[in-house]
Amino acid sequence: MTVFTRLFLSLLALAVAPNAWAAREAQVRDGIEFSVSARAPEQLAAFYSARGVPQAAIAEITKTCFLTVGVHNKSRDVLWLELANWRFEDEAGQPVLRIARETWEKTWERLGVPLASRATFGWTQLPESRDLQPEEPVGGNVAVVAPPGTFKLIAKFRTGADGKGAPIEMRVNNLSCPAGTHP
């Protein structure tokens, strides 16, 4: 892992939640540096409450499993981050539901969460879709409905300026959600 990537992931961890769980060692393959780590409900509550997010919104956030993801395009080609191309599966191979930005927006609307708090929440989330130019990093949170056991992430990336290059797949097995996030 490069010094720049370590610094980026450290700053991301501080921005997302103090005393964050240590990220798994980053995988490096096919020009992608990729890491995932889970956040405890207490970390999320402390972070968002310190930024004025209403308690009703924090209650919704802490019911879910937040994964902080770091991606660094170390290749010489464009990499396409598209969360719609990512799958989360439980131990039996069944889908684990990812909570998309659109779903969060509907929740914030229902709860009457102020626009400033919605913006604060939004900048901590991994973009739904974007390109990563060579040497460009991105990071943020992805929320899932916590399964009872371990689960895996299969992240697929398109490559090339037109997205038609050889696809790259990253897998992270044995993920688990902190206590308190299970339905």
C-alpha atoms as a PDB file:
ATOM      1  CA  MET A   1       0.000   0.000   0.000  1.00  0.00           C
ATOM      2  CA  THR A   2       1.442   3.364  -0.978  1.00  0.00           C
ATOM      3  CA  VAL A   3       2.046   6.177   1.495  1.00  0.00           C
ATOM      4  CA  PHE A   4      -0.518   8.297  -0.346  1.00  0.00           C
ATOM      5  CA  THR A   5      -3.158   5.566  -0.112  1.00  0.00           C
ATOM      6  CA  ARG A   6      -2.470   5.005   3.593  1.00  0.00           C
ATOM      7  CA  LEU A   7      -2.798   8.720   4.227  1.00  0.00           C
ATOM      8  CA  PHE A   8      -5.999   8.890   2.180  1.00  0.00           C
ATOM      9  CA  LEU A   9      -7.568   5.927   3.988  1.00  0.00           C
ATOM     10  CA  SER A  10      -6.485   7.326   7.370  1.00  0.00           C
ATOM     11  CA  LEU A  11      -8.066  10.672   6.609  1.00  0.00           C
ATOM     12  CA  LEU A  12     -11.184   8.934   5.346  1.00  0.00           C
ATOM     13  CA  ALA A  13     -11.439   6.924   8.558  1.00  0.00           C
ATOM     14  CA  LEU A  14     -11.113  10.094  10.625  1.00  0.00           C
ATOM     15  CA  ALA A  15     -13.708  11.874   8.525  1.00  0.00           C
ATOM     16  CA  VAL A  16     -16.173   9.021   8.732  1.00  0.00           C
ATOM     17  CA  ALA A  17     -15.839   8.058  12.369  1.00  0.00           C
ATOM     18  CA  PRO A  18     -13.304   8.551  15.112  1.00  0.00           C
ATOM     19  CA  ASN A  19     -11.643   5.408  16.456  1.00  0.00           C
ATOM     20  CA  ALA A  20     -12.819   3.521  13.395  1.00  0.00           C
ATOM     21  CA  TRP A  21     -12.274  -0.204  13.126  1.00  0.00           C
ATOM     22  CA  ALA A  22      -9.044  -0.929  11.333  1.00  0.00           C
ATOM     23  CA  ALA A  23      -9.520  -1.514   7.633  1.00  0.00           C
ATOM     24  CA  ARG A  24      -8.718  -4.921   6.308  1.00  0.00           C
ATOM     25  CA  GLU A  25      -5.395  -4.988   4.518  1.00  0.00           C
ATOM     26  CA  ALA A  26      -5.952  -3.492   1.098  1.00  0.00           C
ATOM     27  CA  GLN A  27      -6.138  -5.854  -1.838  1.00  0.00           C
ATOM     28  CA  VAL A  28      -4.125  -4.826  -4.850  1.00  0.00           C
ATOM     29  CA  ARG A  29      -4.969  -6.486  -8.133  1.00  0.00           C
ATOM     30  CA  ASP A  30      -5.207  -5.490 -11.782  1.00  0.00           C
ATOM     31  CA  GLY A  31      -4.345  -1.900 -10.946  1.00  0.00           C
ATOM     32  CA  ILE A  32      -6.931  -1.478  -8.177  1.00  0.00           C
ATOM     33  CA  GLU A  33      -6.139  -0.926  -4.514  1.00  0.00           C
ATOM     34  CA  PHE A  34      -9.315  -1.863  -2.603  1.00  0.00           C
ATOM     35  CA  SER A  35     -10.166  -1.973   1.103  1.00  0.00           C
ATOM     36  CA  VAL A  36     -13.318  -2.438   3.189  1.00  0.00           C
ATOM     37  CA  SER A  37     -13.965  -2.013   6.915  1.00  0.00           C
ATOM     38  CA  ALA A  38     -17.119  -1.977   9.057  1.00  0.00           C
ATOM     39  CA  ARG A  39     -18.227   0.834  11.401  1.00  0.00           C
ATOM     40  CA  ALA A  40     -19.774   0.354  14.822  1.00  0.00           C
ATOM     41  CA  PRO A  41     -23.157   1.998  15.528  1.00  0.00           C
ATOM     42  CA  GLU A  42     -21.570   4.037  18.340  1.00  0.00           C
ATOM     43  CA  GLN A  43     -19.011   5.463  15.919  1.00  0.00           C
ATOM     44  CA  LEU A  44     -21.704   6.475  13.467  1.00  0.00           C
ATOM     45  CA  ALA A  45     -23.874   8.017  16.179  1.00  0.00           C
ATOM     46  CA  ALA A  46     -20.976  10.059  17.548  1.00  0.00           C
ATOM     47  CA  PHE A  47     -19.892  11.252  14.119  1.00  0.00           C
ATOM     48  CA  TYR A  48     -23.320  12.305  12.844  1.00  0.00           C
ATOM     49  CA  SER A  49     -24.587  13.758  16.127  1.00  0.00           C
ATOM     50  CA  ALA A  50     -21.464  15.953  16.347  1.00  0.00           C
ATOM     51  CA  ARG A  51     -22.498  17.381  12.982  1.00  0.00           C
ATOM     52  CA  GLY A  52     -26.065  18.198  14.022  1.00  0.00           C
ATOM     53  CA  VAL A  53     -27.842  15.326  12.300  1.00  0.00           C
ATOM     54  CA  PRO A  54     -31.237  14.792  14.029  1.00  0.00           C
ATOM     55  CA  GLN A  55     -31.606  11.850  16.390  1.00  0.00           C
ATOM     56  CA  ALA A  56     -34.345  10.266  14.241  1.00  0.00           C
ATOM     57  CA  ALA A  57     -31.908  10.101  11.312  1.00  0.00           C
ATOM     58  CA  ILE A  58     -29.122   8.749  13.511  1.00  0.00           C
ATOM     59  CA  ALA A  59     -31.467   6.002  14.721  1.00  0.00           C
ATOM     60  CA  GLU A  60     -32.016   4.951  11.080  1.00  0.00           C
ATOM     61  CA  ILE A  61     -28.302   5.103  10.273  1.00  0.00           C
ATOM     62  CA  THR A  62     -27.241   2.990  13.266  1.00  0.00           C
ATOM     63  CA  LYS A  63     -29.754   0.246  12.401  1.00  0.00           C
ATOM     64  CA  THR A  64     -27.750  -0.523   9.280  1.00  0.00           C
ATOM     65  CA  CYS A  65     -24.316  -1.917   8.582  1.00  0.00           C
ATOM     66  CA  PHE A  66     -21.934   0.739   7.264  1.00  0.00           C
ATOM     67  CA  LEU A  67     -18.881  -0.376   5.324  1.00  0.00           C
ATOM     68  CA  THR A  68     -16.163   2.144   4.574  1.00  0.00           C
ATOM     69  CA  VAL A  69     -14.653   1.442   1.172  1.00  0.00           C
ATOM     70  CA  GLY A  70     -11.451   2.819  -0.321  1.00  0.00           C
ATOM     71  CA  VAL A  71     -10.649   2.453  -4.013  1.00  0.00           C
ATOM     72  CA  HIS A  72      -7.478   3.724  -5.658  1.00  0.00           C
ATOM     73  CA  ASN A  73      -7.077   3.384  -9.404  1.00  0.00           C
ATOM     74  CA  LYS A  74      -3.380   2.530  -9.689  1.00  0.00           C
ATOM     75  CA  SER A  75      -3.696   1.620 -13.364  1.00  0.00           C
ATOM     76  CA  ARG A  76      -3.059   3.687 -16.470  1.00  0.00           C
ATOM     77  CA  ASP A  77      -6.676   3.341 -17.588  1.00  0.00           C
ATOM     78  CA  VAL A  78     -10.059   4.732 -16.525  1.00  0.00           C
ATOM     79  CA  LEU A  79     -11.862   2.660 -13.899  1.00  0.00           C
ATOM     80  CA  TRP A  80     -15.644   2.869 -13.530  1.00  0.00           C
ATOM     81  CA  LEU A  81     -17.099   2.776 -10.011  1.00  0.00           C
ATOM     82  CA  GLU A  82     -20.754   1.754 -10.309  1.00  0.00           C
ATOM     83  CA  LEU A  83     -22.369   0.443  -7.145  1.00  0.00           C
ATOM     84  CA  ALA A  84     -25.160  -1.091  -9.228  1.00  0.00           C
ATOM     85  CA  ASN A  85     -22.492  -3.561 -10.432  1.00  0.00           C
ATOM     86  CA  TRP A  86     -21.590  -4.627  -6.878  1.00  0.00           C
ATOM     87  CA  ARG A  87     -23.169  -7.624  -5.151  1.00  0.00           C
ATOM     88  CA  PHE A  88     -23.300  -8.487  -1.490  1.00  0.00           C
ATOM     89  CA  GLU A  89     -24.117 -12.137  -0.691  1.00  0.00           C
ATOM     90  CA  ASP A  90     -24.654 -13.989   2.565  1.00  0.00           C
ATOM     91  CA  GLU A  91     -23.104 -17.363   3.422  1.00  0.00           C
ATOM     92  CA  ALA A  92     -25.808 -19.175   1.436  1.00  0.00           C
ATOM     93  CA  GLY A  93     -25.242 -17.027  -1.651  1.00  0.00           C
ATOM     94  CA  GLN A  94     -28.429 -15.029  -1.101  1.00  0.00           C
ATOM     95  CA  PRO A  95     -28.389 -11.290  -1.816  1.00  0.00           C
ATOM     96  CA  VAL A  96     -27.689  -8.859   1.019  1.00  0.00           C
ATOM     97  CA  LEU A  97     -29.598  -5.640   0.393  1.00  0.00           C
ATOM     98  CA  ARG A  98     -27.524  -2.520  -0.272  1.00  0.00           C
ATOM     99  CA  ILE A  99     -29.220   0.701   0.773  1.00  0.00           C
ATOM    100  CA  ALA A 100     -28.894   3.120  -2.152  1.00  0.00           C
ATOM    101  CA  ARG A 101     -28.808   6.929  -1.907  1.00  0.00           C
ATOM    102  CA  GLU A 102     -32.313   7.073  -3.354  1.00  0.00           C
ATOM    103  CA  THR A 103     -33.603   4.963  -0.464  1.00  0.00           C
ATOM    104  CA  TRP A 104     -31.841   7.197   2.078  1.00  0.00           C
ATOM    105  CA  GLU A 105     -33.374  10.292   0.448  1.00  0.00           C
ATOM    106  CA  LYS A 106     -36.868   8.810   0.808  1.00  0.00           C
ATOM    107  CA  THR A 107     -36.131   8.065   4.478  1.00  0.00           C
ATOM    108  CA  TRP A 108     -34.856  11.605   5.089  1.00  0.00           C
ATOM    109  CA  GLU A 109     -37.959  13.034   3.379  1.00  0.00           C
ATOM    110  CA  ARG A 110     -40.272  10.890   5.530  1.00  0.00           C
ATOM    111  CA  LEU A 111     -38.440  11.970   8.698  1.00  0.00           C
ATOM    112  CA  GLY A 112     -38.230  15.634   7.699  1.00  0.00           C
ATOM    113  CA  VAL A 113     -34.426  15.677   7.972  1.00  0.00           C
ATOM    114  CA  PRO A 114     -33.059  19.182   7.175  1.00  0.00           C
ATOM    115  CA  LEU A 115     -31.203  19.661   3.888  1.00  0.00           C
ATOM    116  CA  ALA A 116     -27.947  20.498   5.704  1.00  0.00           C
ATOM    117  CA  SER A 117     -28.020  17.136   7.496  1.00  0.00           C
ATOM    118  CA  ARG A 118     -28.830  15.352   4.244  1.00  0.00           C
ATOM    119  CA  ALA A 119     -25.801  16.996   2.648  1.00  0.00           C
ATOM    120  CA  THR A 120     -23.573  16.005   5.575  1.00  0.00           C
ATOM    121  CA  PHE A 121     -24.744  12.424   5.232  1.00  0.00           C
ATOM    122  CA  GLY A 122     -24.351  12.498   1.444  1.00  0.00           C
ATOM    123  CA  TRP A 123     -20.696  13.530   1.426  1.00  0.00           C
ATOM    124  CA  THR A 124     -19.808  10.556   3.615  1.00  0.00           C
ATOM    125  CA  GLN A 125     -21.273   8.038   1.154  1.00  0.00           C
ATOM    126  CA  LEU A 126     -19.433   6.343  -1.691  1.00  0.00           C
ATOM    127  CA  PRO A 127     -20.698   7.762  -5.010  1.00  0.00           C
ATOM    128  CA  GLU A 128     -23.287   5.603  -6.766  1.00  0.00           C
ATOM    129  CA  SER A 129     -21.391   6.017 -10.043  1.00  0.00           C
ATOM    130  CA  ARG A 130     -18.282   7.817 -11.262  1.00  0.00           C
ATOM    131  CA  ASP A 131     -15.112   7.385 -13.236  1.00  0.00           C
ATOM    132  CA  LEU A 132     -11.707   7.126 -11.616  1.00  0.00           C
ATOM    133  CA  GLN A 133      -8.852   8.466 -13.681  1.00  0.00           C
ATOM    134  CA  PRO A 134      -5.381   6.907 -13.357  1.00  0.00           C
ATOM    135  CA  GLU A 135      -3.957   7.379  -9.832  1.00  0.00           C
ATOM    136  CA  GLU A 136      -7.271   8.782  -8.561  1.00  0.00           C
ATOM    137  CA  PRO A 137      -8.633   7.560  -5.195  1.00  0.00           C
ATOM    138  CA  VAL A 138     -12.179   7.636  -3.854  1.00  0.00           C
ATOM    139  CA  GLY A 139     -13.670   6.522  -0.576  1.00  0.00           C
ATOM    140  CA  GLY A 140     -16.864   6.561   1.400  1.00  0.00           C
ATOM    141  CA  ASN A 141     -19.507   4.470   3.057  1.00  0.00           C
ATOM    142  CA  VAL A 142     -21.839   1.845   1.640  1.00  0.00           C
ATOM    143  CA  ALA A 143     -24.749   0.729   3.808  1.00  0.00           C
ATOM    144  CA  VAL A 144     -26.275  -2.749   3.779  1.00  0.00           C
ATOM    145  CA  VAL A 145     -28.983  -4.504   5.742  1.00  0.00           C
ATOM    146  CA  ALA A 146     -26.907  -6.628   8.098  1.00  0.00           C
ATOM    147  CA  PRO A 147     -27.211 -10.382   7.551  1.00  0.00           C
ATOM    148  CA  PRO A 148     -26.992 -12.642  10.613  1.00  0.00           C
ATOM    149  CA  GLY A 149     -23.608 -14.134   9.706  1.00  0.00           C
ATOM    150  CA  THR A 150     -20.694 -13.327   7.484  1.00  0.00           C
ATOM    151  CA  PHE A 151     -21.112 -12.138   3.930  1.00  0.00           C
ATOM    152  CA  LYS A 152     -19.051 -11.217   0.901  1.00  0.00           C
ATOM    153  CA  LEU A 153     -18.737  -8.329  -1.503  1.00  0.00           C
ATOM    154  CA  ILE A 154     -18.202  -8.886  -5.205  1.00  0.00           C
ATOM    155  CA  ALA A 155     -17.272  -5.519  -6.734  1.00  0.00           C
ATOM    156  CA  LYS A 156     -17.176  -5.354 -10.522  1.00  0.00           C
ATOM    157  CA  PHE A 157     -15.502  -2.470 -12.332  1.00  0.00           C
ATOM    158  CA  ARG A 158     -15.644  -1.608 -16.005  1.00  0.00           C
ATOM    159  CA  THR A 159     -12.442  -0.197 -17.489  1.00  0.00           C
ATOM    160  CA  GLY A 160     -11.421   2.053 -20.364  1.00  0.00           C
ATOM    161  CA  ALA A 161     -12.487   5.543 -21.385  1.00  0.00           C
ATOM    162  CA  ASP A 162     -15.631   4.098 -22.961  1.00  0.00           C
ATOM    163  CA  GLY A 163     -16.143   1.463 -20.237  1.00  0.00           C
ATOM    164  CA  LYS A 164     -15.636  -1.348 -22.718  1.00  0.00           C
ATOM    165  CA  GLY A 165     -12.219  -2.523 -21.514  1.00  0.00           C
ATOM    166  CA  ALA A 166     -11.609  -5.782 -19.669  1.00  0.00           C
ATOM    167  CA  PRO A 167     -13.766  -5.861 -16.510  1.00  0.00           C
ATOM    168  CA  ILE A 168     -12.104  -6.273 -13.123  1.00  0.00           C
ATOM    169  CA  GLU A 169     -13.677  -8.075 -10.175  1.00  0.00           C
ATOM    170  CA  MET A 170     -12.651  -7.659  -6.545  1.00  0.00           C
ATOM    171  CA  ARG A 171     -13.929 -10.019  -3.838  1.00  0.00           C
ATOM    172  CA  VAL A 172     -13.901  -9.507  -0.120  1.00  0.00           C
ATOM    173  CA  ASN A 173     -15.003 -12.570   1.843  1.00  0.00           C
ATOM    174  CA  ASN A 174     -15.848 -12.979   5.520  1.00  0.00           C
ATOM    175  CA  LEU A 175     -17.243  -9.505   6.087  1.00  0.00           C
ATOM    176  CA  SER A 176     -19.328  -9.083   9.224  1.00  0.00           C
ATOM    177  CA  CYS A 177     -21.415  -6.331  10.721  1.00  0.00           C
ATOM    178  CA  PRO A 178     -20.921  -5.038  14.253  1.00  0.00           C
ATOM    179  CA  ALA A 179     -23.292  -6.044  17.027  1.00  0.00           C
ATOM    180  CA  GLY A 180     -26.350  -3.838  17.153  1.00  0.00           C
ATOM    181  CA  THR A 181     -26.826  -3.570  13.395  1.00  0.00           C
ATOM    182  CA  HIS A 182     -28.697  -6.835  12.909  1.00  0.00           C
ATOM    183  CA  PRO A 183     -32.485  -6.713  12.468  1.00  0.00           C
END
